[in-house]
Amino acid sequence: MINIRPEIKTIVFFIFYFAIAFIQEKTNPSGVCTPGLGFLLFMLSIPTSIILSLILFYKYHKSENRQYLNSIFIISGIWILIFIFLSFSNS
């Protein structure tokens, strides 16, 4: 198996995950009372990010490899960017 750095795996995972959520939202849009699959995937990305961060944090303490800590910073940065984007798009 190819040994890919954890930072690249994290970035590629979130790009694919949010791309799939965006495509699903466009093909099956959410209504007022019925959330679409894209919205559900977006809501599931929150616990997915927390679980992935906990796994990376465990791997960091187990191996003291700084790459795992960088992946946690990338996840935090992605959520900060999403928060900024959503706060400006609502105003």
C-alpha atoms as a PDB file:
ATOM      1  CA  MET A   1       0.000   0.000   0.000  1.00  0.00           C
ATOM      2  CA  ILE A   2       1.155   3.505  -0.750  1.00  0.00           C
ATOM      3  CA  ASN A   3       2.335   5.428   2.291  1.00  0.00           C
ATOM      4  CA  ILE A   4       0.598   8.816   2.036  1.00  0.00           C
ATOM      5  CA  ARG A   5       1.098  11.540   4.621  1.00  0.00           C
ATOM      6  CA  PRO A   6      -1.826  12.015   7.053  1.00  0.00           C
ATOM      7  CA  GLU A   7      -2.210  15.670   6.073  1.00  0.00           C
ATOM      8  CA  ILE A   8      -2.848  14.753   2.444  1.00  0.00           C
ATOM      9  CA  LYS A   9      -5.274  11.996   3.457  1.00  0.00           C
ATOM     10  CA  THR A  10      -7.196  14.498   5.605  1.00  0.00           C
ATOM     11  CA  ILE A  11      -7.413  17.124   2.867  1.00  0.00           C
ATOM     12  CA  VAL A  12      -8.447  14.610   0.193  1.00  0.00           C
ATOM     13  CA  PHE A  13     -11.055  13.069   2.505  1.00  0.00           C
ATOM     14  CA  PHE A  14     -12.715  16.406   3.245  1.00  0.00           C
ATOM     15  CA  ILE A  15     -12.591  17.541  -0.393  1.00  0.00           C
ATOM     16  CA  PHE A  16     -14.380  14.370  -1.501  1.00  0.00           C
ATOM     17  CA  TYR A  17     -16.783  14.414   1.442  1.00  0.00           C
ATOM     18  CA  PHE A  18     -17.918  18.007   0.938  1.00  0.00           C
ATOM     19  CA  ALA A  19     -17.989  17.573  -2.860  1.00  0.00           C
ATOM     20  CA  ILE A  20     -20.361  14.621  -2.451  1.00  0.00           C
ATOM     21  CA  ALA A  21     -22.474  16.602   0.033  1.00  0.00           C
ATOM     22  CA  PHE A  22     -22.623  19.562  -2.386  1.00  0.00           C
ATOM     23  CA  ILE A  23     -23.573  17.332  -5.335  1.00  0.00           C
ATOM     24  CA  GLN A  24     -26.262  15.623  -3.290  1.00  0.00           C
ATOM     25  CA  GLU A  25     -27.667  18.968  -2.175  1.00  0.00           C
ATOM     26  CA  LYS A  26     -27.888  20.143  -5.785  1.00  0.00           C
ATOM     27  CA  THR A  27     -29.466  16.910  -7.070  1.00  0.00           C
ATOM     28  CA  ASN A  28     -31.820  16.414  -4.110  1.00  0.00           C
ATOM     29  CA  PRO A  29     -32.352  19.856  -2.540  1.00  0.00           C
ATOM     30  CA  SER A  30     -33.553  20.301   0.996  1.00  0.00           C
ATOM     31  CA  GLY A  31     -37.026  21.593   1.649  1.00  0.00           C
ATOM     32  CA  VAL A  32     -38.496  23.423   4.596  1.00  0.00           C
ATOM     33  CA  CYS A  33     -39.515  20.286   6.484  1.00  0.00           C
ATOM     34  CA  THR A  34     -37.502  17.644   4.626  1.00  0.00           C
ATOM     35  CA  PRO A  35     -33.722  17.785   4.789  1.00  0.00           C
ATOM     36  CA  GLY A  36     -31.973  16.464   1.710  1.00  0.00           C
ATOM     37  CA  LEU A  37     -29.089  14.033   1.640  1.00  0.00           C
ATOM     38  CA  GLY A  38     -26.573  16.872   1.220  1.00  0.00           C
ATOM     39  CA  PHE A  39     -27.771  18.535   4.414  1.00  0.00           C
ATOM     40  CA  LEU A  40     -27.629  15.227   6.291  1.00  0.00           C
ATOM     41  CA  LEU A  41     -24.084  14.602   5.048  1.00  0.00           C
ATOM     42  CA  PHE A  42     -23.102  18.094   6.171  1.00  0.00           C
ATOM     43  CA  MET A  43     -24.571  17.473   9.632  1.00  0.00           C
ATOM     44  CA  LEU A  44     -22.779  14.112   9.829  1.00  0.00           C
ATOM     45  CA  SER A  45     -19.482  15.807   8.999  1.00  0.00           C
ATOM     46  CA  ILE A  46     -19.412  17.329  12.488  1.00  0.00           C
ATOM     47  CA  PRO A  47     -19.217  14.015  14.418  1.00  0.00           C
ATOM     48  CA  THR A  48     -17.017  12.586  11.650  1.00  0.00           C
ATOM     49  CA  SER A  49     -14.538  15.425  12.188  1.00  0.00           C
ATOM     50  CA  ILE A  50     -14.586  14.954  15.956  1.00  0.00           C
ATOM     51  CA  ILE A  51     -14.010  11.207  15.683  1.00  0.00           C
ATOM     52  CA  LEU A  52     -11.226  11.682  13.119  1.00  0.00           C
ATOM     53  CA  SER A  53      -9.581  14.310  15.360  1.00  0.00           C
ATOM     54  CA  LEU A  54      -9.699  11.969  18.351  1.00  0.00           C
ATOM     55  CA  ILE A  55      -8.146   9.147  16.319  1.00  0.00           C
ATOM     56  CA  LEU A  56      -5.396  11.450  15.053  1.00  0.00           C
ATOM     57  CA  PHE A  57      -4.811  12.782  18.568  1.00  0.00           C
ATOM     58  CA  TYR A  58      -4.400   9.210  19.849  1.00  0.00           C
ATOM     59  CA  LYS A  59      -1.964   8.417  17.026  1.00  0.00           C
ATOM     60  CA  TYR A  60      -0.029  11.591  17.803  1.00  0.00           C
ATOM     61  CA  HIS A  61       0.422  10.668  21.457  1.00  0.00           C
ATOM     62  CA  LYS A  62       1.281   7.104  20.560  1.00  0.00           C
ATOM     63  CA  SER A  63       3.960   7.946  17.988  1.00  0.00           C
ATOM     64  CA  GLU A  64       4.861  11.635  18.664  1.00  0.00           C
ATOM     65  CA  ASN A  65       4.707  12.163  14.890  1.00  0.00           C
ATOM     66  CA  ARG A  66       4.012  15.838  14.178  1.00  0.00           C
ATOM     67  CA  GLN A  67       2.140  14.974  10.958  1.00  0.00           C
ATOM     68  CA  TYR A  68      -0.865  13.798  12.977  1.00  0.00           C
ATOM     69  CA  LEU A  69      -0.955  17.076  14.874  1.00  0.00           C
ATOM     70  CA  ASN A  70      -0.811  18.976  11.570  1.00  0.00           C
ATOM     71  CA  SER A  71      -3.847  16.979  10.401  1.00  0.00           C
ATOM     72  CA  ILE A  72      -5.760  18.079  13.502  1.00  0.00           C
ATOM     73  CA  PHE A  73      -4.833  21.690  12.711  1.00  0.00           C
ATOM     74  CA  ILE A  74      -6.084  21.183   9.138  1.00  0.00           C
ATOM     75  CA  ILE A  75      -9.435  19.886  10.411  1.00  0.00           C
ATOM     76  CA  SER A  76      -9.746  22.874  12.741  1.00  0.00           C
ATOM     77  CA  GLY A  77      -8.851  25.232   9.914  1.00  0.00           C
ATOM     78  CA  ILE A  78     -11.458  23.687   7.624  1.00  0.00           C
ATOM     79  CA  TRP A  79     -14.170  24.241  10.235  1.00  0.00           C
ATOM     80  CA  ILE A  80     -13.042  27.826  10.834  1.00  0.00           C
ATOM     81  CA  LEU A  81     -13.247  28.499   7.089  1.00  0.00           C
ATOM     82  CA  ILE A  82     -16.717  26.916   6.910  1.00  0.00           C
ATOM     83  CA  PHE A  83     -17.871  29.047   9.858  1.00  0.00           C
ATOM     84  CA  ILE A  84     -16.546  32.244   8.254  1.00  0.00           C
ATOM     85  CA  PHE A  85     -18.112  31.338   4.894  1.00  0.00           C
ATOM     86  CA  LEU A  86     -21.494  30.579   6.430  1.00  0.00           C
ATOM     87  CA  SER A  87     -21.489  33.696   8.624  1.00  0.00           C
ATOM     88  CA  PHE A  88     -20.779  35.962   5.635  1.00  0.00           C
ATOM     89  CA  SER A  89     -23.232  34.227   3.318  1.00  0.00           C
ATOM     90  CA  ASN A  90     -26.150  34.823   5.715  1.00  0.00           C
ATOM     91  CA  SER A  91     -25.617  38.571   6.014  1.00  0.00           C
END
